[in-house]
Amino acid sequence: METNERIELAYPAEFKDVHEAVRVRLRATSWWKLLRWAAWGASVLALLLTILTLLPPSPEPGETVLLVALCIVAVGCAESLPWVTAQSLFRLIRAQGDATAVVDDDGGRWTSRDTETTIRWAMLPRYVETPRLFVLLTAKQSGTGFAYLPKSGLADPADADRLRAVLDRNSSRV
């Protein structure tokens, strides 16, 4: 059964949408999980070393401060990466003004003030649905690309079911 249903979305750039899409994209990658575990693991190790430096016979306050700073920097960098990435992308997206998207069985077409992009399903073979968005993801082997479709951009709430059906036909839900 071949249907070429078209779902149209129109939406302004919103930071919360970009931030959520970035978080979804990062959660779908193994390197992000590894980076977070490494940051938290290094922090736990540094805290254990901090405790050791405070034990007699010779407490070393200078080393303690350095190790605590290392913990804060490692975890701070890892945990702020999604926000910093989203902030950077949001500035680029917002500069283009409101966006429209058309999704059908051929793929998706996004249009904004100065850009028009068409992406076929072969490039976005996976998707994640959140309460606010559909986040379309590239294959695991091809990098960290993504596109997002805010549910708020749909003209009718029933269009979410139609969009989900198109995605299910052409992409795999993660």
N, C-alpha and C. Protein backbone atom coordinates (compact mmCIF):
# COMPACT_ATOMS: atom_id res chain seq x y z
N MET A 1 0.84 -1.18 0.00
CA MET A 1 0.00 0.00 0.00
C MET A 1 0.88 1.24 0.00
N GLU A 2 0.88 1.95 -1.07
CA GLU A 2 1.71 3.13 -1.20
C GLU A 2 0.84 4.37 -1.06
N THR A 3 1.07 5.11 -0.04
CA THR A 3 0.41 6.40 0.11
C THR A 3 1.50 7.44 0.12
N ASN A 4 1.21 8.56 -0.47
CA ASN A 4 2.20 9.62 -0.42
C ASN A 4 1.59 10.79 0.33
N GLU A 5 1.31 10.52 1.57
CA GLU A 5 0.71 11.50 2.45
C GLU A 5 1.73 12.59 2.76
N ARG A 6 1.28 13.83 2.75
CA ARG A 6 2.15 14.97 3.06
C ARG A 6 1.69 15.58 4.38
N ILE A 7 2.64 15.76 5.27
CA ILE A 7 2.35 16.43 6.53
C ILE A 7 3.17 17.71 6.54
N GLU A 8 2.50 18.81 6.81
CA GLU A 8 3.18 20.10 6.82
C GLU A 8 3.26 20.63 8.24
N LEU A 9 4.39 21.24 8.55
CA LEU A 9 4.60 21.86 9.85
C LEU A 9 5.10 23.27 9.63
N ALA A 10 4.73 24.17 10.51
CA ALA A 10 5.24 25.54 10.50
C ALA A 10 5.53 25.91 11.94
N TYR A 11 6.74 26.39 12.19
CA TYR A 11 7.11 26.64 13.58
C TYR A 11 8.25 27.66 13.69
N PRO A 12 8.25 28.39 14.79
CA PRO A 12 9.38 29.29 15.06
C PRO A 12 10.51 28.49 15.73
N ALA A 13 11.70 29.02 15.65
CA ALA A 13 12.82 28.40 16.35
C ALA A 13 12.65 28.65 17.85
N GLU A 14 12.70 27.58 18.62
CA GLU A 14 12.60 27.70 20.08
C GLU A 14 13.76 26.94 20.70
N PHE A 15 14.42 27.58 21.66
CA PHE A 15 15.59 26.95 22.28
C PHE A 15 15.24 25.61 22.91
N LYS A 16 14.08 25.52 23.56
CA LYS A 16 13.74 24.26 24.24
C LYS A 16 13.62 23.11 23.25
N ASP A 17 13.17 23.38 22.03
CA ASP A 17 13.10 22.32 21.01
C ASP A 17 14.50 21.89 20.57
N VAL A 18 15.35 22.87 20.30
CA VAL A 18 16.72 22.56 19.86
C VAL A 18 17.46 21.81 20.97
N HIS A 19 17.31 22.26 22.20
CA HIS A 19 17.98 21.63 23.34
C HIS A 19 17.52 20.18 23.49
N GLU A 20 16.23 19.95 23.40
CA GLU A 20 15.72 18.58 23.52
C GLU A 20 16.22 17.71 22.38
N ALA A 21 16.24 18.25 21.16
CA ALA A 21 16.73 17.48 20.00
C ALA A 21 18.21 17.13 20.17
N VAL A 22 19.01 18.06 20.66
CA VAL A 22 20.43 17.78 20.90
C VAL A 22 20.59 16.69 21.96
N ARG A 23 19.82 16.78 23.04
CA ARG A 23 19.91 15.75 24.09
C ARG A 23 19.52 14.37 23.54
N VAL A 24 18.48 14.32 22.73
CA VAL A 24 18.07 13.04 22.13
C VAL A 24 19.19 12.51 21.24
N ARG A 25 19.78 13.38 20.43
CA ARG A 25 20.85 12.96 19.54
C ARG A 25 22.04 12.42 20.34
N LEU A 26 22.42 13.12 21.39
CA LEU A 26 23.57 12.68 22.19
C LEU A 26 23.28 11.35 22.88
N ARG A 27 22.07 11.19 23.39
CA ARG A 27 21.73 9.92 24.05
C ARG A 27 21.78 8.74 23.08
N ALA A 28 21.60 9.01 21.79
CA ALA A 28 21.61 7.94 20.79
C ALA A 28 23.02 7.56 20.34
N THR A 29 24.04 8.23 20.89
CA THR A 29 25.42 7.93 20.49
C THR A 29 26.15 7.24 21.63
N SER A 30 27.03 6.32 21.29
CA SER A 30 27.80 5.62 22.33
C SER A 30 28.91 6.51 22.87
N TRP A 31 29.49 7.40 22.05
CA TRP A 31 30.59 8.22 22.53
C TRP A 31 30.13 9.18 23.63
N TRP A 32 28.86 9.62 23.58
CA TRP A 32 28.35 10.53 24.61
C TRP A 32 28.27 9.80 25.96
N LYS A 33 27.77 8.58 25.93
CA LYS A 33 27.70 7.80 27.17
C LYS A 33 29.10 7.57 27.72
N LEU A 34 30.03 7.26 26.84
CA LEU A 34 31.42 7.04 27.26
C LEU A 34 32.03 8.30 27.86
N LEU A 35 31.79 9.43 27.24
CA LEU A 35 32.31 10.71 27.75
C LEU A 35 31.75 11.02 29.13
N ARG A 36 30.46 10.83 29.31
CA ARG A 36 29.86 11.10 30.62
C ARG A 36 30.39 10.16 31.69
N TRP A 37 30.50 8.86 31.35
CA TRP A 37 31.05 7.91 32.32
C TRP A 37 32.49 8.27 32.66
N ALA A 38 33.27 8.67 31.67
CA ALA A 38 34.67 9.03 31.91
C ALA A 38 34.75 10.26 32.83
N ALA A 39 33.92 11.25 32.58
CA ALA A 39 33.92 12.45 33.42
C ALA A 39 33.54 12.13 34.85
N TRP A 40 32.47 11.38 35.01
CA TRP A 40 32.04 11.03 36.36
C TRP A 40 33.04 10.08 37.04
N GLY A 41 33.61 9.14 36.26
CA GLY A 41 34.61 8.23 36.82
C GLY A 41 35.86 8.98 37.27
N ALA A 42 36.31 9.93 36.45
CA ALA A 42 37.48 10.73 36.83
C ALA A 42 37.17 11.56 38.08
N SER A 43 35.95 12.02 38.19
CA SER A 43 35.57 12.81 39.38
C SER A 43 35.56 11.96 40.64
N VAL A 44 35.03 10.76 40.53
CA VAL A 44 35.02 9.86 41.70
C VAL A 44 36.45 9.53 42.11
N LEU A 45 37.29 9.25 41.12
CA LEU A 45 38.70 8.96 41.41
C LEU A 45 39.38 10.16 42.06
N ALA A 46 39.12 11.35 41.52
CA ALA A 46 39.71 12.56 42.09
C ALA A 46 39.22 12.79 43.52
N LEU A 47 37.95 12.51 43.78
CA LEU A 47 37.43 12.68 45.14
C LEU A 47 38.07 11.69 46.11
N LEU A 48 38.28 10.45 45.65
CA LEU A 48 38.97 9.48 46.50
C LEU A 48 40.40 9.93 46.79
N LEU A 49 41.07 10.44 45.78
CA LEU A 49 42.43 10.95 45.99
C LEU A 49 42.42 12.16 46.92
N THR A 50 41.37 12.97 46.81
CA THR A 50 41.24 14.13 47.71
C THR A 50 41.15 13.67 49.15
N ILE A 51 40.36 12.65 49.40
CA ILE A 51 40.22 12.12 50.76
C ILE A 51 41.57 11.62 51.25
N LEU A 52 42.30 10.94 50.38
CA LEU A 52 43.63 10.43 50.77
C LEU A 52 44.60 11.56 51.09
N THR A 53 44.52 12.66 50.35
CA THR A 53 45.44 13.78 50.62
C THR A 53 45.12 14.48 51.93
N LEU A 54 43.91 14.30 52.43
CA LEU A 54 43.53 14.95 53.69
C LEU A 54 43.85 14.10 54.92
N LEU A 55 44.24 12.85 54.69
CA LEU A 55 44.56 11.96 55.82
C LEU A 55 45.97 12.24 56.34
N PRO A 56 46.18 11.99 57.65
CA PRO A 56 47.52 12.16 58.19
C PRO A 56 48.47 11.17 57.52
N PRO A 57 49.71 11.36 57.47
CA PRO A 57 50.47 12.27 58.30
C PRO A 57 50.60 13.66 57.72
N SER A 58 50.40 13.88 56.43
CA SER A 58 50.67 15.22 55.92
C SER A 58 49.57 15.67 54.96
N PRO A 59 48.53 16.32 55.49
CA PRO A 59 47.49 16.84 54.61
C PRO A 59 48.07 17.87 53.63
N GLU A 60 47.63 17.79 52.39
CA GLU A 60 48.10 18.70 51.35
C GLU A 60 46.90 19.51 50.81
N PRO A 61 46.63 20.66 51.42
CA PRO A 61 45.46 21.44 50.98
C PRO A 61 45.55 21.89 49.52
N GLY A 62 46.74 22.18 49.04
CA GLY A 62 46.90 22.61 47.65
C GLY A 62 46.47 21.52 46.67
N GLU A 63 46.88 20.29 46.95
CA GLU A 63 46.48 19.17 46.09
C GLU A 63 44.97 18.94 46.18
N THR A 64 44.43 19.12 47.37
CA THR A 64 43.00 18.92 47.56
C THR A 64 42.21 19.89 46.70
N VAL A 65 42.58 21.15 46.71
CA VAL A 65 41.88 22.16 45.91
C VAL A 65 41.98 21.82 44.43
N LEU A 66 43.16 21.41 43.99
CA LEU A 66 43.37 21.05 42.59
C LEU A 66 42.48 19.86 42.19
N LEU A 67 42.41 18.85 43.02
CA LEU A 67 41.61 17.67 42.70
C LEU A 67 40.11 17.98 42.70
N VAL A 68 39.66 18.80 43.64
CA VAL A 68 38.25 19.19 43.66
C VAL A 68 37.93 20.02 42.42
N ALA A 69 38.85 20.90 42.03
CA ALA A 69 38.64 21.69 40.81
C ALA A 69 38.56 20.78 39.59
N LEU A 70 39.39 19.75 39.55
CA LEU A 70 39.35 18.79 38.45
C LEU A 70 37.98 18.12 38.37
N CYS A 71 37.44 17.73 39.51
CA CYS A 71 36.10 17.12 39.55
C CYS A 71 35.05 18.06 38.96
N ILE A 72 35.08 19.28 39.41
CA ILE A 72 34.08 20.26 38.97
C ILE A 72 34.20 20.52 37.47
N VAL A 73 35.43 20.68 36.99
CA VAL A 73 35.64 20.95 35.57
C VAL A 73 35.21 19.76 34.71
N ALA A 74 35.60 18.56 35.09
CA ALA A 74 35.28 17.37 34.29
C ALA A 74 33.78 17.17 34.18
N VAL A 75 33.10 17.19 35.30
CA VAL A 75 31.65 16.97 35.29
C VAL A 75 30.94 18.17 34.66
N GLY A 76 31.41 19.36 34.98
CA GLY A 76 30.79 20.57 34.41
C GLY A 76 30.86 20.58 32.89
N CYS A 77 32.00 20.24 32.35
CA CYS A 77 32.15 20.20 30.88
C CYS A 77 31.24 19.14 30.27
N ALA A 78 31.25 17.95 30.83
CA ALA A 78 30.44 16.87 30.27
C ALA A 78 28.94 17.19 30.35
N GLU A 79 28.51 17.71 31.48
CA GLU A 79 27.09 17.96 31.67
C GLU A 79 26.60 19.21 30.94
N SER A 80 27.48 20.16 30.66
CA SER A 80 27.04 21.37 29.96
C SER A 80 27.13 21.25 28.45
N LEU A 81 27.75 20.20 27.94
CA LEU A 81 27.90 20.05 26.49
C LEU A 81 26.57 20.09 25.74
N PRO A 82 25.52 19.41 26.19
CA PRO A 82 24.26 19.51 25.45
C PRO A 82 23.72 20.94 25.40
N TRP A 83 23.80 21.66 26.50
CA TRP A 83 23.29 23.03 26.53
C TRP A 83 24.12 23.94 25.63
N VAL A 84 25.44 23.83 25.70
CA VAL A 84 26.32 24.67 24.89
C VAL A 84 26.11 24.37 23.40
N THR A 85 26.01 23.11 23.05
CA THR A 85 25.77 22.73 21.66
C THR A 85 24.43 23.27 21.18
N ALA A 86 23.40 23.09 22.00
CA ALA A 86 22.07 23.57 21.64
C ALA A 86 22.06 25.09 21.50
N GLN A 87 22.74 25.78 22.37
CA GLN A 87 22.80 27.25 22.30
C GLN A 87 23.43 27.70 20.99
N SER A 88 24.50 27.05 20.61
CA SER A 88 25.19 27.39 19.37
C SER A 88 24.29 27.13 18.15
N LEU A 89 23.68 25.95 18.11
CA LEU A 89 22.77 25.62 17.00
C LEU A 89 21.56 26.54 16.98
N PHE A 90 21.02 26.85 18.14
CA PHE A 90 19.84 27.69 18.22
C PHE A 90 20.10 29.07 17.62
N ARG A 91 21.26 29.63 17.89
CA ARG A 91 21.58 30.95 17.31
C ARG A 91 21.56 30.89 15.78
N LEU A 92 22.09 29.81 15.22
CA LEU A 92 22.08 29.65 13.76
C LEU A 92 20.66 29.48 13.23
N ILE A 93 19.88 28.64 13.91
CA ILE A 93 18.52 28.35 13.46
C ILE A 93 17.62 29.58 13.62
N ARG A 94 17.74 30.26 14.75
CA ARG A 94 16.90 31.44 15.01
C ARG A 94 17.16 32.55 14.00
N ALA A 95 18.41 32.67 13.55
CA ALA A 95 18.75 33.71 12.58
C ALA A 95 18.00 33.52 11.26
N GLN A 96 17.51 32.31 10.99
CA GLN A 96 16.78 32.02 9.75
C GLN A 96 15.28 32.27 9.88
N GLY A 97 14.81 32.63 11.08
CA GLY A 97 13.39 32.91 11.26
C GLY A 97 12.55 31.64 11.33
N ASP A 98 11.26 31.81 11.13
CA ASP A 98 10.33 30.68 11.20
C ASP A 98 10.67 29.66 10.12
N ALA A 99 10.37 28.40 10.43
CA ALA A 99 10.65 27.32 9.49
C ALA A 99 9.37 26.62 9.09
N THR A 100 9.39 26.02 7.93
CA THR A 100 8.32 25.13 7.51
C THR A 100 8.98 23.80 7.13
N ALA A 101 8.24 22.75 7.33
CA ALA A 101 8.73 21.43 6.95
C ALA A 101 7.59 20.68 6.29
N VAL A 102 7.93 19.90 5.28
CA VAL A 102 6.98 19.02 4.62
C VAL A 102 7.60 17.63 4.67
N VAL A 103 6.85 16.69 5.23
CA VAL A 103 7.33 15.32 5.35
C VAL A 103 6.38 14.42 4.58
N ASP A 104 6.97 13.55 3.76
CA ASP A 104 6.17 12.57 3.03
C ASP A 104 7.01 11.31 2.86
N ASP A 105 6.56 10.40 2.03
CA ASP A 105 7.27 9.13 1.88
C ASP A 105 8.60 9.27 1.14
N ASP A 106 8.88 10.42 0.56
CA ASP A 106 10.17 10.66 -0.08
C ASP A 106 11.22 11.15 0.92
N GLY A 107 10.79 11.81 1.98
CA GLY A 107 11.73 12.37 2.96
C GLY A 107 11.15 13.64 3.55
N GLY A 108 12.04 14.53 3.95
CA GLY A 108 11.61 15.79 4.54
C GLY A 108 12.23 16.97 3.81
N ARG A 109 11.49 18.08 3.75
CA ARG A 109 11.99 19.31 3.17
C ARG A 109 11.77 20.43 4.18
N TRP A 110 12.84 21.07 4.55
CA TRP A 110 12.80 22.16 5.51
C TRP A 110 13.12 23.45 4.77
N THR A 111 12.32 24.48 5.04
CA THR A 111 12.52 25.76 4.39
C THR A 111 12.49 26.84 5.46
N SER A 112 13.43 27.77 5.36
CA SER A 112 13.43 28.95 6.22
C SER A 112 13.77 30.15 5.33
N ARG A 113 14.03 31.27 5.93
CA ARG A 113 14.22 32.50 5.16
C ARG A 113 15.24 32.35 4.03
N ASP A 114 16.42 31.80 4.32
CA ASP A 114 17.49 31.73 3.32
C ASP A 114 17.89 30.32 2.91
N THR A 115 17.21 29.31 3.45
CA THR A 115 17.64 27.94 3.15
C THR A 115 16.46 27.07 2.75
N GLU A 116 16.80 26.06 1.98
CA GLU A 116 15.85 25.00 1.67
C GLU A 116 16.67 23.72 1.62
N THR A 117 16.28 22.75 2.45
CA THR A 117 17.03 21.50 2.56
C THR A 117 16.08 20.33 2.37
N THR A 118 16.51 19.38 1.54
CA THR A 118 15.75 18.15 1.35
C THR A 118 16.62 17.00 1.84
N ILE A 119 16.03 16.15 2.67
CA ILE A 119 16.75 14.99 3.18
C ILE A 119 15.90 13.75 2.93
N ARG A 120 16.45 12.80 2.22
CA ARG A 120 15.76 11.54 1.93
C ARG A 120 15.85 10.61 3.13
N TRP A 121 14.97 9.64 3.19
CA TRP A 121 14.91 8.73 4.34
C TRP A 121 16.18 7.92 4.52
N ALA A 122 16.91 7.65 3.45
CA ALA A 122 18.15 6.88 3.58
C ALA A 122 19.15 7.60 4.50
N MET A 123 19.06 8.92 4.57
CA MET A 123 19.97 9.69 5.42
C MET A 123 19.47 9.76 6.87
N LEU A 124 18.18 9.57 7.08
CA LEU A 124 17.58 9.66 8.41
C LEU A 124 16.78 8.38 8.70
N PRO A 125 17.47 7.26 8.87
CA PRO A 125 16.76 5.98 8.99
C PRO A 125 16.20 5.67 10.37
N ARG A 126 16.42 6.56 11.34
CA ARG A 126 15.94 6.30 12.71
C ARG A 126 15.25 7.55 13.24
N TYR A 127 14.34 7.35 14.19
CA TYR A 127 13.74 8.51 14.84
C TYR A 127 13.37 8.18 16.28
N VAL A 128 13.27 9.24 17.07
CA VAL A 128 12.85 9.16 18.47
C VAL A 128 11.69 10.13 18.63
N GLU A 129 10.65 9.67 19.31
CA GLU A 129 9.53 10.55 19.61
C GLU A 129 9.59 10.93 21.08
N THR A 130 9.46 12.20 21.34
CA THR A 130 9.37 12.70 22.71
C THR A 130 8.00 13.37 22.85
N PRO A 131 7.63 13.80 24.03
CA PRO A 131 6.33 14.48 24.15
C PRO A 131 6.23 15.75 23.30
N ARG A 132 7.36 16.38 22.99
CA ARG A 132 7.34 17.64 22.23
C ARG A 132 7.75 17.51 20.77
N LEU A 133 8.57 16.49 20.45
CA LEU A 133 9.24 16.44 19.15
C LEU A 133 9.26 15.06 18.53
N PHE A 134 9.52 15.06 17.23
CA PHE A 134 10.02 13.89 16.53
C PHE A 134 11.45 14.27 16.15
N VAL A 135 12.42 13.48 16.59
CA VAL A 135 13.83 13.77 16.27
C VAL A 135 14.29 12.69 15.30
N LEU A 136 14.66 13.10 14.11
CA LEU A 136 15.10 12.19 13.06
C LEU A 136 16.63 12.10 13.13
N LEU A 137 17.14 10.86 13.10
CA LEU A 137 18.57 10.63 13.33
C LEU A 137 19.23 9.96 12.14
N THR A 138 20.49 10.32 11.91
CA THR A 138 21.28 9.62 10.91
C THR A 138 21.61 8.23 11.43
N ALA A 139 22.12 7.39 10.54
CA ALA A 139 22.53 6.04 10.93
C ALA A 139 23.70 6.14 11.90
N LYS A 140 23.86 5.13 12.74
CA LYS A 140 24.95 5.14 13.72
C LYS A 140 26.30 5.31 13.07
N GLN A 141 26.50 4.75 11.88
CA GLN A 141 27.80 4.78 11.22
C GLN A 141 28.09 6.12 10.56
N SER A 142 27.09 6.93 10.32
CA SER A 142 27.31 8.13 9.51
C SER A 142 27.45 9.42 10.30
N GLY A 143 27.63 9.33 11.59
CA GLY A 143 27.89 10.56 12.33
C GLY A 143 26.79 10.95 13.27
N THR A 144 26.67 12.24 13.45
CA THR A 144 25.78 12.74 14.48
C THR A 144 24.73 13.69 13.94
N GLY A 145 24.31 13.49 12.71
CA GLY A 145 23.31 14.38 12.14
C GLY A 145 21.92 14.12 12.69
N PHE A 146 21.10 15.15 12.64
CA PHE A 146 19.72 15.00 13.08
C PHE A 146 18.88 16.13 12.49
N ALA A 147 17.59 15.93 12.51
CA ALA A 147 16.61 16.96 12.19
C ALA A 147 15.48 16.79 13.20
N TYR A 148 14.75 17.86 13.45
CA TYR A 148 13.66 17.72 14.40
C TYR A 148 12.39 18.34 13.85
N LEU A 149 11.28 17.78 14.30
CA LEU A 149 9.96 18.24 13.91
C LEU A 149 9.14 18.47 15.17
N PRO A 150 8.92 19.72 15.55
CA PRO A 150 8.13 19.99 16.76
C PRO A 150 6.65 19.70 16.54
N LYS A 151 6.06 19.02 17.48
CA LYS A 151 4.64 18.72 17.39
C LYS A 151 3.82 20.01 17.41
N SER A 152 4.36 21.06 18.02
CA SER A 152 3.65 22.34 18.05
C SER A 152 3.52 22.95 16.65
N GLY A 153 4.31 22.47 15.70
CA GLY A 153 4.24 22.99 14.33
C GLY A 153 3.15 22.36 13.49
N LEU A 154 2.50 21.35 14.02
CA LEU A 154 1.43 20.68 13.28
C LEU A 154 0.15 21.52 13.36
N ALA A 155 -0.57 21.59 12.26
CA ALA A 155 -1.81 22.38 12.23
C ALA A 155 -2.90 21.78 13.10
N ASP A 156 -2.92 20.45 13.19
CA ASP A 156 -3.97 19.74 13.92
C ASP A 156 -3.29 18.66 14.76
N PRO A 157 -3.68 18.50 16.02
CA PRO A 157 -3.07 17.45 16.85
C PRO A 157 -3.17 16.05 16.22
N ALA A 158 -4.19 15.80 15.42
CA ALA A 158 -4.34 14.51 14.75
C ALA A 158 -3.23 14.28 13.72
N ASP A 159 -2.61 15.36 13.27
CA ASP A 159 -1.51 15.23 12.30
C ASP A 159 -0.31 14.50 12.90
N ALA A 160 -0.21 14.47 14.22
CA ALA A 160 0.90 13.73 14.86
C ALA A 160 0.79 12.25 14.54
N ASP A 161 -0.42 11.71 14.51
CA ASP A 161 -0.61 10.30 14.15
C ASP A 161 -0.26 10.06 12.70
N ARG A 162 -0.63 10.98 11.82
CA ARG A 162 -0.28 10.85 10.41
C ARG A 162 1.23 10.92 10.21
N LEU A 163 1.88 11.85 10.91
CA LEU A 163 3.33 11.97 10.82
C LEU A 163 4.02 10.72 11.35
N ARG A 164 3.54 10.22 12.47
CA ARG A 164 4.09 8.99 13.05
C ARG A 164 3.96 7.83 12.07
N ALA A 165 2.85 7.76 11.34
CA ALA A 165 2.65 6.69 10.36
C ALA A 165 3.66 6.81 9.21
N VAL A 166 3.91 8.03 8.74
CA VAL A 166 4.91 8.22 7.68
C VAL A 166 6.29 7.83 8.20
N LEU A 167 6.61 8.24 9.40
CA LEU A 167 7.91 7.89 9.97
C LEU A 167 8.05 6.39 10.15
N ASP A 168 7.01 5.74 10.63
CA ASP A 168 7.07 4.29 10.84
C ASP A 168 7.24 3.53 9.52
N ARG A 169 6.68 4.06 8.44
CA ARG A 169 6.83 3.41 7.13
C ARG A 169 8.25 3.57 6.58
N ASN A 170 8.91 4.66 6.91
CA ASN A 170 10.16 5.01 6.25
C ASN A 170 11.38 5.02 7.15
N SER A 171 11.20 4.86 8.43
CA SER A 171 12.27 5.00 9.40
C SER A 171 12.00 4.02 10.55
N SER A 172 12.99 3.78 11.36
CA SER A 172 12.82 2.88 12.50
C SER A 172 12.79 3.68 13.79
N ARG A 173 11.81 3.37 14.62
CA ARG A 173 11.72 4.05 15.92
C ARG A 173 12.80 3.50 16.84
N VAL A 174 13.51 4.41 17.48
CA VAL A 174 14.58 4.02 18.42
C VAL A 174 13.99 3.94 19.81
